[in-house]
Amino acid sequence: MIERKFIAERLKEYQIQEFISQTLKNVGHSHTKLMRTPLGEKVVIYASRPGLVVGRKGENIKKLTNTLKKKFNLENPQIEISEVENPNLDAQIVAERVASTIERFGINKFKAIGHKTMMDVMGAGALGIEILISGKVPSQRAKTWRFYQGYLKKCGNISLEGVTRAQAVAIMKTGEIGVQVAIMPPNIKLPDDIEVKPKPETKTEEKKASKEAEGKK
């Protein structure tokens, strides 16, 4: 019974996150955290453009709060907006940006969009980035185009926990275009990073250095 309760809570949390992600599409939404407090459920939304999430005079937040109450039976949801410091290092924001840009300018511009996105991400300090654009790009047959720059871990614990991954979908007349983004952030600690410290000087070496300095005088 306890296991079922935990699974039901996690499933409900996942559904809330998916609903908010779909509702806040193309407004720089990164991810959502749900925390339980004595006053009720606290929903923290991370986005690069908090003004678009809040809306004019807080209309979007009010609608979202009422929807969460009715659809997911949340008693007192408290929504908090947190701004993402560097959107170019957030994989979800980058993936949505690529997808929305493809929808706006067309699939024929996908190469320019991919290279421009790589330059922005690497310019923000990322160690590496990989962008996969899949679908009818630009021919009638589905294929995958890969844009890659820098250093990106493909296996191991760093690949699972350190590399951020996200995906988005661009809706076109010819069909859906899938976008996958993987970014290795600059603050990651690699296991093969070795720092060689200088050898501390001994007393005899210090004496020799002082004698040589005196002799030069």
N, C-alpha and C. Protein backbone atom coordinates (compact mmCIF):
# COMPACT_ATOMS: atom_id res chain seq x y z
N MET A 1 0.82 -1.21 0.00
CA MET A 1 0.00 0.00 0.00
C MET A 1 0.86 1.26 0.00
N ILE A 2 1.95 1.22 0.81
CA ILE A 2 2.83 2.39 0.87
C ILE A 2 3.50 2.61 -0.48
N GLU A 3 3.91 1.51 -1.13
CA GLU A 3 4.56 1.64 -2.43
C GLU A 3 3.60 2.24 -3.46
N ARG A 4 2.34 1.81 -3.43
CA ARG A 4 1.36 2.36 -4.37
C ARG A 4 1.14 3.85 -4.14
N LYS A 5 1.17 4.26 -2.89
CA LYS A 5 0.99 5.67 -2.57
C LYS A 5 2.14 6.50 -3.12
N PHE A 6 3.37 6.01 -2.93
CA PHE A 6 4.54 6.72 -3.45
C PHE A 6 4.51 6.79 -4.97
N ILE A 7 4.14 5.68 -5.61
CA ILE A 7 4.08 5.65 -7.08
C ILE A 7 3.01 6.62 -7.59
N ALA A 8 1.86 6.65 -6.90
CA ALA A 8 0.79 7.57 -7.31
C ALA A 8 1.22 9.02 -7.17
N GLU A 9 1.95 9.34 -6.10
CA GLU A 9 2.42 10.71 -5.91
C GLU A 9 3.43 11.10 -6.97
N ARG A 10 4.35 10.19 -7.27
CA ARG A 10 5.35 10.49 -8.30
C ARG A 10 4.70 10.63 -9.68
N LEU A 11 3.70 9.79 -9.96
CA LEU A 11 3.00 9.87 -11.24
C LEU A 11 2.25 11.20 -11.36
N LYS A 12 1.62 11.61 -10.27
CA LYS A 12 0.91 12.89 -10.27
C LYS A 12 1.89 14.05 -10.47
N GLU A 13 3.04 13.98 -9.84
CA GLU A 13 4.06 15.03 -9.99
C GLU A 13 4.55 15.09 -11.43
N TYR A 14 4.76 13.93 -12.04
CA TYR A 14 5.20 13.89 -13.44
C TYR A 14 4.13 14.46 -14.37
N GLN A 15 2.88 14.15 -14.12
CA GLN A 15 1.80 14.68 -14.94
C GLN A 15 1.70 16.21 -14.83
N ILE A 16 1.91 16.73 -13.62
CA ILE A 16 1.89 18.19 -13.43
C ILE A 16 3.03 18.83 -14.21
N GLN A 17 4.22 18.23 -14.14
CA GLN A 17 5.36 18.77 -14.86
C GLN A 17 5.13 18.75 -16.37
N GLU A 18 4.55 17.66 -16.88
CA GLU A 18 4.26 17.57 -18.32
C GLU A 18 3.21 18.59 -18.74
N PHE A 19 2.20 18.78 -17.90
CA PHE A 19 1.14 19.74 -18.21
C PHE A 19 1.69 21.17 -18.26
N ILE A 20 2.52 21.53 -17.29
CA ILE A 20 3.11 22.87 -17.26
C ILE A 20 4.05 23.06 -18.44
N SER A 21 4.79 22.03 -18.80
CA SER A 21 5.71 22.11 -19.94
C SER A 21 4.95 22.36 -21.24
N GLN A 22 3.81 21.69 -21.42
CA GLN A 22 3.01 21.89 -22.62
C GLN A 22 2.32 23.26 -22.61
N THR A 23 1.89 23.70 -21.42
CA THR A 23 1.20 24.98 -21.31
C THR A 23 2.14 26.15 -21.59
N LEU A 24 3.38 26.04 -21.11
CA LEU A 24 4.35 27.13 -21.24
C LEU A 24 5.32 26.88 -22.39
N LYS A 25 4.85 26.30 -23.45
CA LYS A 25 5.70 26.02 -24.60
C LYS A 25 6.08 27.31 -25.31
N ASN A 26 7.34 27.40 -25.75
CA ASN A 26 7.87 28.55 -26.51
C ASN A 26 7.91 29.84 -25.70
N VAL A 27 8.02 29.74 -24.39
CA VAL A 27 8.19 30.95 -23.56
C VAL A 27 9.46 30.84 -22.71
N GLY A 28 10.38 29.96 -23.12
CA GLY A 28 11.63 29.82 -22.38
C GLY A 28 11.51 29.00 -21.12
N HIS A 29 10.59 28.02 -21.10
CA HIS A 29 10.43 27.17 -19.92
C HIS A 29 11.53 26.13 -19.86
N SER A 30 12.16 26.00 -18.69
CA SER A 30 13.24 25.03 -18.51
C SER A 30 12.72 23.74 -17.85
N HIS A 31 12.33 23.83 -16.59
CA HIS A 31 11.81 22.67 -15.87
C HIS A 31 10.98 23.16 -14.68
N THR A 32 10.31 22.22 -14.04
CA THR A 32 9.40 22.53 -12.93
C THR A 32 9.69 21.61 -11.76
N LYS A 33 9.68 22.17 -10.56
CA LYS A 33 9.85 21.41 -9.33
C LYS A 33 8.60 21.55 -8.47
N LEU A 34 8.19 20.44 -7.88
CA LEU A 34 7.02 20.43 -7.01
C LEU A 34 7.45 20.07 -5.60
N MET A 35 7.19 20.96 -4.65
CA MET A 35 7.56 20.74 -3.25
C MET A 35 6.33 20.86 -2.37
N ARG A 36 6.27 20.01 -1.36
CA ARG A 36 5.13 20.02 -0.45
C ARG A 36 5.51 20.78 0.82
N THR A 37 4.68 21.75 1.19
CA THR A 37 4.89 22.58 2.37
C THR A 37 3.66 22.48 3.28
N PRO A 38 3.76 22.93 4.53
CA PRO A 38 2.59 22.91 5.42
C PRO A 38 1.43 23.75 4.91
N LEU A 39 1.74 24.79 4.09
CA LEU A 39 0.68 25.66 3.57
C LEU A 39 0.06 25.11 2.29
N GLY A 40 0.68 24.13 1.68
CA GLY A 40 0.18 23.57 0.43
C GLY A 40 1.32 23.19 -0.49
N GLU A 41 0.99 22.92 -1.75
CA GLU A 41 1.99 22.53 -2.73
C GLU A 41 2.66 23.78 -3.31
N LYS A 42 3.97 23.74 -3.36
CA LYS A 42 4.75 24.84 -3.93
C LYS A 42 5.29 24.40 -5.29
N VAL A 43 4.93 25.13 -6.33
CA VAL A 43 5.35 24.81 -7.69
C VAL A 43 6.35 25.88 -8.14
N VAL A 44 7.60 25.45 -8.37
CA VAL A 44 8.65 26.37 -8.80
C VAL A 44 8.89 26.14 -10.28
N ILE A 45 8.66 27.19 -11.06
CA ILE A 45 8.82 27.13 -12.52
C ILE A 45 10.10 27.89 -12.89
N TYR A 46 11.02 27.21 -13.54
CA TYR A 46 12.27 27.82 -13.99
C TYR A 46 12.12 28.20 -15.47
N ALA A 47 12.35 29.47 -15.78
CA ALA A 47 12.18 29.96 -17.14
C ALA A 47 13.18 31.07 -17.41
N SER A 48 13.48 31.27 -18.70
CA SER A 48 14.41 32.33 -19.10
C SER A 48 13.71 33.67 -19.26
N ARG A 49 12.38 33.65 -19.47
CA ARG A 49 11.60 34.88 -19.62
C ARG A 49 10.43 34.86 -18.66
N PRO A 50 10.66 35.19 -17.41
CA PRO A 50 9.59 35.12 -16.40
C PRO A 50 8.41 36.03 -16.72
N GLY A 51 8.65 37.14 -17.42
CA GLY A 51 7.56 38.06 -17.73
C GLY A 51 6.49 37.41 -18.59
N LEU A 52 6.90 36.59 -19.57
CA LEU A 52 5.93 35.90 -20.43
C LEU A 52 5.18 34.83 -19.66
N VAL A 53 5.84 34.21 -18.68
CA VAL A 53 5.18 33.18 -17.88
C VAL A 53 4.12 33.80 -16.97
N VAL A 54 4.46 34.94 -16.37
CA VAL A 54 3.51 35.61 -15.46
C VAL A 54 2.34 36.19 -16.22
N GLY A 55 2.60 36.81 -17.37
CA GLY A 55 1.53 37.40 -18.15
C GLY A 55 1.20 38.81 -17.67
N ARG A 56 0.27 39.44 -18.38
CA ARG A 56 -0.13 40.81 -18.04
C ARG A 56 -0.95 40.80 -16.75
N LYS A 57 -0.44 41.50 -15.74
CA LYS A 57 -1.07 41.58 -14.42
C LYS A 57 -1.27 40.21 -13.78
N GLY A 58 -0.40 39.26 -14.12
CA GLY A 58 -0.45 37.94 -13.51
C GLY A 58 -1.58 37.06 -14.00
N GLU A 59 -2.10 37.33 -15.21
CA GLU A 59 -3.23 36.55 -15.72
C GLU A 59 -2.86 35.09 -15.94
N ASN A 60 -1.67 34.85 -16.52
CA ASN A 60 -1.27 33.47 -16.80
C ASN A 60 -1.11 32.66 -15.52
N ILE A 61 -0.57 33.28 -14.48
CA ILE A 61 -0.37 32.57 -13.22
C ILE A 61 -1.72 32.24 -12.58
N LYS A 62 -2.66 33.17 -12.66
CA LYS A 62 -3.99 32.92 -12.09
C LYS A 62 -4.69 31.76 -12.81
N LYS A 63 -4.61 31.76 -14.14
CA LYS A 63 -5.22 30.67 -14.90
C LYS A 63 -4.56 29.34 -14.59
N LEU A 64 -3.23 29.36 -14.51
CA LEU A 64 -2.51 28.12 -14.23
C LEU A 64 -2.83 27.61 -12.82
N THR A 65 -2.96 28.51 -11.85
CA THR A 65 -3.30 28.11 -10.48
C THR A 65 -4.69 27.47 -10.43
N ASN A 66 -5.67 28.07 -11.09
CA ASN A 66 -7.02 27.51 -11.10
C ASN A 66 -7.07 26.16 -11.82
N THR A 67 -6.28 26.03 -12.88
CA THR A 67 -6.25 24.75 -13.61
C THR A 67 -5.63 23.65 -12.77
N LEU A 68 -4.57 23.97 -12.04
CA LEU A 68 -3.94 22.97 -11.18
C LEU A 68 -4.88 22.53 -10.06
N LYS A 69 -5.69 23.46 -9.55
CA LYS A 69 -6.66 23.11 -8.51
C LYS A 69 -7.72 22.16 -9.03
N LYS A 70 -8.26 22.44 -10.23
CA LYS A 70 -9.36 21.64 -10.76
C LYS A 70 -8.89 20.32 -11.35
N LYS A 71 -7.81 20.37 -12.14
CA LYS A 71 -7.39 19.18 -12.88
C LYS A 71 -6.62 18.19 -12.02
N PHE A 72 -5.81 18.69 -11.08
CA PHE A 72 -4.96 17.80 -10.29
C PHE A 72 -5.31 17.79 -8.81
N ASN A 73 -6.42 18.44 -8.45
CA ASN A 73 -6.92 18.43 -7.06
C ASN A 73 -5.90 18.95 -6.05
N LEU A 74 -5.19 20.00 -6.43
CA LEU A 74 -4.26 20.63 -5.50
C LEU A 74 -5.03 21.66 -4.66
N GLU A 75 -4.88 21.57 -3.35
CA GLU A 75 -5.66 22.42 -2.46
C GLU A 75 -5.24 23.89 -2.54
N ASN A 76 -3.97 24.14 -2.33
CA ASN A 76 -3.48 25.53 -2.30
C ASN A 76 -2.15 25.63 -3.03
N PRO A 77 -2.14 25.53 -4.37
CA PRO A 77 -0.86 25.60 -5.11
C PRO A 77 -0.27 27.00 -5.10
N GLN A 78 0.98 27.10 -4.73
CA GLN A 78 1.70 28.38 -4.72
C GLN A 78 2.76 28.34 -5.82
N ILE A 79 2.55 29.14 -6.83
CA ILE A 79 3.45 29.14 -7.99
C ILE A 79 4.51 30.21 -7.82
N GLU A 80 5.75 29.79 -8.00
CA GLU A 80 6.89 30.70 -7.90
C GLU A 80 7.70 30.62 -9.18
N ILE A 81 8.07 31.79 -9.73
CA ILE A 81 8.83 31.85 -10.97
C ILE A 81 10.29 32.14 -10.65
N SER A 82 11.19 31.31 -11.15
CA SER A 82 12.62 31.50 -10.94
C SER A 82 13.30 31.66 -12.31
N GLU A 83 14.09 32.71 -12.44
CA GLU A 83 14.74 32.99 -13.72
C GLU A 83 16.00 32.15 -13.89
N VAL A 84 16.18 31.58 -15.07
CA VAL A 84 17.38 30.82 -15.40
C VAL A 84 18.51 31.81 -15.68
N GLU A 85 19.64 31.63 -15.01
CA GLU A 85 20.74 32.59 -15.13
C GLU A 85 21.32 32.63 -16.54
N ASN A 86 21.62 31.46 -17.09
CA ASN A 86 22.22 31.41 -18.43
C ASN A 86 21.40 30.48 -19.32
N PRO A 87 20.46 31.01 -20.11
CA PRO A 87 19.61 30.14 -20.94
C PRO A 87 20.38 29.32 -21.96
N ASN A 88 21.54 29.81 -22.40
CA ASN A 88 22.31 29.08 -23.41
C ASN A 88 22.94 27.81 -22.88
N LEU A 89 22.94 27.61 -21.58
CA LEU A 89 23.48 26.38 -20.99
C LEU A 89 22.37 25.44 -20.53
N ASP A 90 21.11 25.80 -20.77
CA ASP A 90 19.98 24.96 -20.39
C ASP A 90 19.52 24.18 -21.62
N ALA A 91 19.62 22.86 -21.56
CA ALA A 91 19.34 22.03 -22.73
C ALA A 91 17.89 22.15 -23.19
N GLN A 92 16.94 22.21 -22.25
CA GLN A 92 15.53 22.29 -22.62
C GLN A 92 15.21 23.61 -23.31
N ILE A 93 15.73 24.71 -22.80
CA ILE A 93 15.50 26.01 -23.43
C ILE A 93 16.12 26.05 -24.82
N VAL A 94 17.32 25.50 -24.96
CA VAL A 94 17.99 25.49 -26.27
C VAL A 94 17.20 24.64 -27.26
N ALA A 95 16.70 23.47 -26.82
CA ALA A 95 15.94 22.59 -27.72
C ALA A 95 14.65 23.27 -28.17
N GLU A 96 13.94 23.92 -27.25
CA GLU A 96 12.71 24.61 -27.63
C GLU A 96 12.99 25.79 -28.55
N ARG A 97 14.12 26.46 -28.32
CA ARG A 97 14.49 27.58 -29.18
C ARG A 97 14.76 27.11 -30.60
N VAL A 98 15.47 25.98 -30.75
CA VAL A 98 15.74 25.44 -32.08
C VAL A 98 14.44 25.04 -32.77
N ALA A 99 13.55 24.37 -32.03
CA ALA A 99 12.28 23.93 -32.62
C ALA A 99 11.41 25.12 -33.04
N SER A 100 11.31 26.14 -32.19
CA SER A 100 10.48 27.30 -32.53
C SER A 100 11.08 28.09 -33.69
N THR A 101 12.42 28.15 -33.78
CA THR A 101 13.07 28.86 -34.89
C THR A 101 12.84 28.13 -36.20
N ILE A 102 12.86 26.79 -36.17
CA ILE A 102 12.57 26.01 -37.38
C ILE A 102 11.13 26.24 -37.82
N GLU A 103 10.20 26.29 -36.87
CA GLU A 103 8.80 26.56 -37.21
C GLU A 103 8.63 27.95 -37.82
N ARG A 104 9.43 28.90 -37.36
CA ARG A 104 9.27 30.28 -37.82
C ARG A 104 9.89 30.51 -39.19
N PHE A 105 11.13 30.00 -39.40
CA PHE A 105 11.86 30.31 -40.63
C PHE A 105 11.85 29.17 -41.64
N GLY A 106 11.32 28.01 -41.28
CA GLY A 106 11.25 26.91 -42.23
C GLY A 106 12.41 25.94 -42.08
N ILE A 107 12.21 24.75 -42.60
CA ILE A 107 13.20 23.69 -42.43
C ILE A 107 14.43 23.91 -43.30
N ASN A 108 14.32 24.72 -44.36
CA ASN A 108 15.47 24.95 -45.24
C ASN A 108 16.59 25.72 -44.54
N LYS A 109 16.28 26.36 -43.42
CA LYS A 109 17.27 27.14 -42.67
C LYS A 109 17.86 26.33 -41.51
N PHE A 110 17.66 25.00 -41.49
CA PHE A 110 18.05 24.23 -40.32
C PHE A 110 19.57 24.23 -40.10
N LYS A 111 20.37 24.29 -41.16
CA LYS A 111 21.82 24.29 -40.98
C LYS A 111 22.29 25.58 -40.32
N ALA A 112 21.77 26.70 -40.77
CA ALA A 112 22.13 27.98 -40.15
C ALA A 112 21.67 28.03 -38.70
N ILE A 113 20.49 27.48 -38.43
CA ILE A 113 19.97 27.46 -37.06
C ILE A 113 20.85 26.60 -36.17
N GLY A 114 21.26 25.43 -36.67
CA GLY A 114 22.11 24.53 -35.89
C GLY A 114 23.46 25.14 -35.57
N HIS A 115 24.11 25.74 -36.56
CA HIS A 115 25.44 26.34 -36.34
C HIS A 115 25.35 27.57 -35.44
N LYS A 116 24.30 28.39 -35.62
CA LYS A 116 24.14 29.57 -34.76
C LYS A 116 23.92 29.15 -33.32
N THR A 117 23.13 28.09 -33.09
CA THR A 117 22.88 27.61 -31.73
C THR A 117 24.16 27.08 -31.10
N MET A 118 24.96 26.35 -31.87
CA MET A 118 26.23 25.85 -31.34
C MET A 118 27.15 26.99 -30.93
N MET A 119 27.23 28.03 -31.73
CA MET A 119 28.08 29.17 -31.41
C MET A 119 27.62 29.85 -30.12
N ASP A 120 26.30 29.99 -29.94
CA ASP A 120 25.78 30.64 -28.74
C ASP A 120 26.08 29.81 -27.49
N VAL A 121 25.91 28.50 -27.59
CA VAL A 121 26.13 27.63 -26.43
C VAL A 121 27.61 27.57 -26.08
N MET A 122 28.47 27.40 -27.07
CA MET A 122 29.91 27.35 -26.80
C MET A 122 30.41 28.71 -26.32
N GLY A 123 29.83 29.79 -26.82
CA GLY A 123 30.20 31.12 -26.36
C GLY A 123 29.82 31.37 -24.91
N ALA A 124 28.80 30.64 -24.42
CA ALA A 124 28.38 30.76 -23.02
C ALA A 124 29.30 30.00 -22.07
N GLY A 125 30.26 29.23 -22.63
CA GLY A 125 31.22 28.52 -21.78
C GLY A 125 31.04 27.03 -21.71
N ALA A 126 30.14 26.46 -22.49
CA ALA A 126 29.92 25.01 -22.46
C ALA A 126 31.16 24.27 -22.98
N LEU A 127 31.38 23.09 -22.43
CA LEU A 127 32.51 22.28 -22.88
C LEU A 127 32.21 21.56 -24.19
N GLY A 128 30.94 21.26 -24.43
CA GLY A 128 30.56 20.56 -25.65
C GLY A 128 29.06 20.58 -25.84
N ILE A 129 28.63 20.41 -27.10
CA ILE A 129 27.20 20.38 -27.42
C ILE A 129 26.97 19.46 -28.61
N GLU A 130 25.82 18.81 -28.59
CA GLU A 130 25.39 17.97 -29.71
C GLU A 130 23.92 18.25 -29.98
N ILE A 131 23.59 18.53 -31.24
CA ILE A 131 22.21 18.78 -31.66
C ILE A 131 21.85 17.77 -32.74
N LEU A 132 20.75 17.07 -32.54
CA LEU A 132 20.23 16.12 -33.52
C LEU A 132 18.89 16.61 -34.02
N ILE A 133 18.78 16.81 -35.33
CA ILE A 133 17.53 17.23 -35.95
C ILE A 133 17.06 16.08 -36.84
N SER A 134 15.89 15.52 -36.52
CA SER A 134 15.41 14.32 -37.20
C SER A 134 14.07 14.60 -37.87
N GLY A 135 13.87 13.96 -39.01
CA GLY A 135 12.62 14.10 -39.75
C GLY A 135 12.90 14.28 -41.23
N LYS A 136 11.93 14.82 -41.94
CA LYS A 136 12.09 15.08 -43.37
C LYS A 136 12.85 16.39 -43.54
N VAL A 137 14.16 16.27 -43.39
CA VAL A 137 15.05 17.44 -43.37
C VAL A 137 16.09 17.30 -44.48
N PRO A 138 16.01 18.07 -45.55
CA PRO A 138 14.82 18.76 -46.04
C PRO A 138 14.11 17.95 -47.12
N SER A 139 14.57 16.69 -47.34
CA SER A 139 14.03 15.87 -48.42
C SER A 139 12.74 15.19 -47.98
N GLN A 140 12.21 14.33 -48.82
CA GLN A 140 10.98 13.61 -48.51
C GLN A 140 11.23 12.39 -47.63
N ARG A 141 12.49 11.97 -47.54
CA ARG A 141 12.83 10.83 -46.70
C ARG A 141 13.33 11.33 -45.35
N ALA A 142 12.94 10.62 -44.32
CA ALA A 142 13.36 11.02 -42.97
C ALA A 142 14.82 10.67 -42.75
N LYS A 143 15.54 11.58 -42.16
CA LYS A 143 16.96 11.36 -41.85
C LYS A 143 17.30 12.20 -40.62
N THR A 144 18.50 12.00 -40.09
CA THR A 144 18.97 12.72 -38.91
C THR A 144 20.23 13.49 -39.23
N TRP A 145 20.22 14.76 -38.91
CA TRP A 145 21.39 15.62 -39.08
C TRP A 145 21.99 15.87 -37.71
N ARG A 146 23.32 15.80 -37.65
CA ARG A 146 24.02 15.94 -36.37
C ARG A 146 24.94 17.16 -36.42
N PHE A 147 24.80 18.02 -35.40
CA PHE A 147 25.67 19.17 -35.22
C PHE A 147 26.43 18.97 -33.91
N TYR A 148 27.75 19.01 -33.99
CA TYR A 148 28.56 18.65 -32.83
C TYR A 148 29.76 19.58 -32.72
N GLN A 149 30.04 20.01 -31.50
CA GLN A 149 31.22 20.86 -31.27
C GLN A 149 31.68 20.68 -29.83
N GLY A 150 33.00 20.71 -29.64
CA GLY A 150 33.56 20.60 -28.30
C GLY A 150 33.71 19.16 -27.84
N TYR A 151 33.69 18.98 -26.53
CA TYR A 151 33.92 17.67 -25.91
C TYR A 151 32.67 17.26 -25.15
N LEU A 152 32.16 16.05 -25.44
CA LEU A 152 30.92 15.59 -24.83
C LEU A 152 31.07 14.13 -24.43
N LYS A 153 30.82 13.84 -23.17
CA LYS A 153 30.90 12.47 -22.68
C LYS A 153 29.72 11.65 -23.19
N LYS A 154 30.00 10.44 -23.68
CA LYS A 154 28.97 9.58 -24.22
C LYS A 154 28.62 8.41 -23.32
N CYS A 155 29.47 8.10 -22.34
CA CYS A 155 29.21 6.96 -21.47
C CYS A 155 29.78 7.27 -20.09
N GLY A 156 29.41 6.43 -19.13
CA GLY A 156 29.91 6.60 -17.78
C GLY A 156 28.99 7.45 -16.93
N ASN A 157 29.39 7.64 -15.68
CA ASN A 157 28.58 8.39 -14.72
C ASN A 157 28.45 9.86 -15.12
N ILE A 158 29.49 10.44 -15.70
CA ILE A 158 29.43 11.84 -16.12
C ILE A 158 28.39 12.02 -17.21
N SER A 159 28.27 11.06 -18.12
CA SER A 159 27.29 11.16 -19.19
C SER A 159 25.87 11.09 -18.65
N LEU A 160 25.67 10.32 -17.59
CA LEU A 160 24.32 10.15 -17.03
C LEU A 160 23.92 11.32 -16.14
N GLU A 161 24.85 11.82 -15.33
CA GLU A 161 24.52 12.84 -14.34
C GLU A 161 25.01 14.24 -14.70
N GLY A 162 26.11 14.33 -15.43
CA GLY A 162 26.68 15.64 -15.72
C GLY A 162 26.17 16.28 -16.98
N VAL A 163 25.94 15.49 -18.03
CA VAL A 163 25.48 16.03 -19.31
C VAL A 163 23.96 16.24 -19.24
N THR A 164 23.51 17.44 -19.57
CA THR A 164 22.08 17.74 -19.59
C THR A 164 21.52 17.47 -20.98
N ARG A 165 20.37 16.79 -21.02
CA ARG A 165 19.74 16.41 -22.29
C ARG A 165 18.29 16.86 -22.30
N ALA A 166 17.80 17.17 -23.49
CA ALA A 166 16.42 17.59 -23.64
C ALA A 166 15.99 17.35 -25.08
N GLN A 167 14.68 17.38 -25.29
CA GLN A 167 14.15 17.20 -26.64
C GLN A 167 12.92 18.08 -26.83
N ALA A 168 12.67 18.43 -28.07
CA ALA A 168 11.52 19.26 -28.43
C ALA A 168 11.05 18.84 -29.82
N VAL A 169 9.86 19.31 -30.19
CA VAL A 169 9.25 18.94 -31.47
C VAL A 169 8.81 20.20 -32.19
N ALA A 170 9.16 20.29 -33.47
CA ALA A 170 8.71 21.38 -34.33
C ALA A 170 7.61 20.84 -35.24
N ILE A 171 6.45 21.48 -35.24
CA ILE A 171 5.32 21.05 -36.05
C ILE A 171 5.37 21.78 -37.39
N MET A 172 5.58 21.00 -38.47
CA MET A 172 5.65 21.56 -39.81
C MET A 172 4.53 20.99 -40.67
N LYS A 173 4.36 21.56 -41.87
CA LYS A 173 3.33 21.05 -42.79
C LYS A 173 3.66 19.65 -43.27
N THR A 174 4.94 19.35 -43.44
CA THR A 174 5.36 18.04 -43.93
C THR A 174 5.40 16.99 -42.83
N GLY A 175 5.23 17.41 -41.59
CA GLY A 175 5.28 16.47 -40.47
C GLY A 175 6.05 17.06 -39.29
N GLU A 176 6.30 16.24 -38.31
CA GLU A 176 7.01 16.68 -37.11
C GLU A 176 8.52 16.55 -37.29
N ILE A 177 9.24 17.52 -36.73
CA ILE A 177 10.71 17.52 -36.74
C ILE A 177 11.18 17.40 -35.29
N GLY A 178 11.90 16.35 -34.99
CA GLY A 178 12.41 16.13 -33.63
C GLY A 178 13.75 16.81 -33.42
N VAL A 179 13.91 17.41 -32.26
CA VAL A 179 15.16 18.10 -31.90
C VAL A 179 15.65 17.54 -30.58
N GLN A 180 16.88 17.05 -30.56
CA GLN A 180 17.51 16.55 -29.34
C GLN A 180 18.79 17.35 -29.09
N VAL A 181 18.96 17.77 -27.84
CA VAL A 181 20.11 18.60 -27.47
C VAL A 181 20.79 17.99 -26.25
N ALA A 182 22.11 17.91 -26.30
CA ALA A 182 22.92 17.46 -25.17
C ALA A 182 24.03 18.49 -24.95
N ILE A 183 24.17 18.96 -23.72
CA ILE A 183 25.14 20.00 -23.39
C ILE A 183 25.98 19.55 -22.19
N MET A 184 27.28 19.71 -22.30
CA MET A 184 28.17 19.49 -21.17
C MET A 184 28.52 20.85 -20.56
N PRO A 185 28.02 21.13 -19.35
CA PRO A 185 28.22 22.46 -18.75
C PRO A 185 29.66 22.71 -18.36
N PRO A 186 30.04 23.98 -18.18
CA PRO A 186 31.44 24.28 -17.86
C PRO A 186 31.85 23.95 -16.43
N ASN A 187 30.89 23.83 -15.51
CA ASN A 187 31.23 23.60 -14.10
C ASN A 187 31.33 22.12 -13.75
N ILE A 188 31.32 21.25 -14.74
CA ILE A 188 31.37 19.81 -14.47
C ILE A 188 32.80 19.40 -14.11
N LYS A 189 32.91 18.46 -13.18
CA LYS A 189 34.21 17.96 -12.74
C LYS A 189 34.45 16.59 -13.35
N LEU A 190 35.39 16.51 -14.28
CA LEU A 190 35.69 15.25 -14.96
C LEU A 190 36.65 14.42 -14.12
N PRO A 191 36.51 13.10 -14.14
CA PRO A 191 37.39 12.25 -13.32
C PRO A 191 38.84 12.25 -13.78
N ASP A 192 39.09 12.60 -15.05
CA ASP A 192 40.46 12.61 -15.56
C ASP A 192 41.11 13.99 -15.49
N ASP A 193 40.44 14.95 -14.84
CA ASP A 193 41.06 16.27 -14.64
C ASP A 193 42.08 16.18 -13.51
N ILE A 194 43.34 16.37 -13.82
CA ILE A 194 44.43 16.25 -12.84
C ILE A 194 45.12 17.60 -12.71
N GLU A 195 45.26 18.05 -11.50
CA GLU A 195 45.95 19.30 -11.22
C GLU A 195 47.30 19.00 -10.58
N VAL A 196 48.37 19.42 -11.22
CA VAL A 196 49.72 19.18 -10.73
C VAL A 196 50.14 20.37 -9.88
N LYS A 197 50.36 20.14 -8.61
CA LYS A 197 50.75 21.21 -7.70
C LYS A 197 52.27 21.37 -7.71
N PRO A 198 52.78 22.57 -7.58
CA PRO A 198 54.24 22.77 -7.56
C PRO A 198 54.86 22.16 -6.31
N LYS A 199 56.07 21.65 -6.48
CA LYS A 199 56.76 21.01 -5.37
C LYS A 199 57.21 22.07 -4.35
N PRO A 200 56.89 21.90 -3.08
CA PRO A 200 57.31 22.89 -2.08
C PRO A 200 58.83 22.84 -1.90
N GLU A 201 59.43 24.02 -1.76
CA GLU A 201 60.88 24.09 -1.60
C GLU A 201 61.29 23.69 -0.19
N THR A 202 62.36 22.90 -0.11
CA THR A 202 62.88 22.48 1.19
C THR A 202 63.79 23.57 1.76
N LYS A 203 64.22 23.39 2.98
CA LYS A 203 65.08 24.39 3.64
C LYS A 203 66.42 24.50 2.95
N THR A 204 66.97 23.36 2.50
CA THR A 204 68.27 23.40 1.82
C THR A 204 68.17 24.16 0.50
N GLU A 205 67.06 23.96 -0.23
CA GLU A 205 66.88 24.66 -1.50
C GLU A 205 66.71 26.17 -1.25
N GLU A 206 66.03 26.51 -0.16
CA GLU A 206 65.85 27.92 0.17
C GLU A 206 67.19 28.57 0.51
N LYS A 207 68.05 27.82 1.23
CA LYS A 207 69.37 28.35 1.57
C LYS A 207 70.21 28.55 0.32
N LYS A 208 70.18 27.56 -0.61
CA LYS A 208 70.94 27.69 -1.86
C LYS A 208 70.46 28.90 -2.66
N ALA A 209 69.14 29.06 -2.73
CA ALA A 209 68.60 30.19 -3.48
C ALA A 209 69.00 31.52 -2.88
N SER A 210 69.03 31.59 -1.53
CA SER A 210 69.44 32.85 -0.86
C SER A 210 70.91 33.12 -1.06
N LYS A 211 71.78 32.05 -1.04
CA LYS A 211 73.21 32.23 -1.26
C LYS A 211 73.48 32.70 -2.70
N GLU A 212 72.75 32.10 -3.66
CA GLU A 212 72.94 32.50 -5.06
C GLU A 212 72.53 33.96 -5.25
N ALA A 213 71.46 34.36 -4.59
CA ALA A 213 71.02 35.76 -4.68
C ALA A 213 72.04 36.71 -4.07
N GLU A 214 72.66 36.30 -2.94
CA GLU A 214 73.68 37.13 -2.33
C GLU A 214 74.93 37.21 -3.19
N GLY A 215 75.28 36.07 -3.84
CA GLY A 215 76.47 36.06 -4.69
C GLY A 215 76.31 36.98 -5.89
N LYS A 216 75.07 37.05 -6.44
CA LYS A 216 74.82 37.92 -7.58
C LYS A 216 74.95 39.39 -7.18
N LYS A 217 74.59 39.70 -5.95
CA LYS A 217 74.72 41.08 -5.47
C LYS A 217 76.18 41.46 -5.37
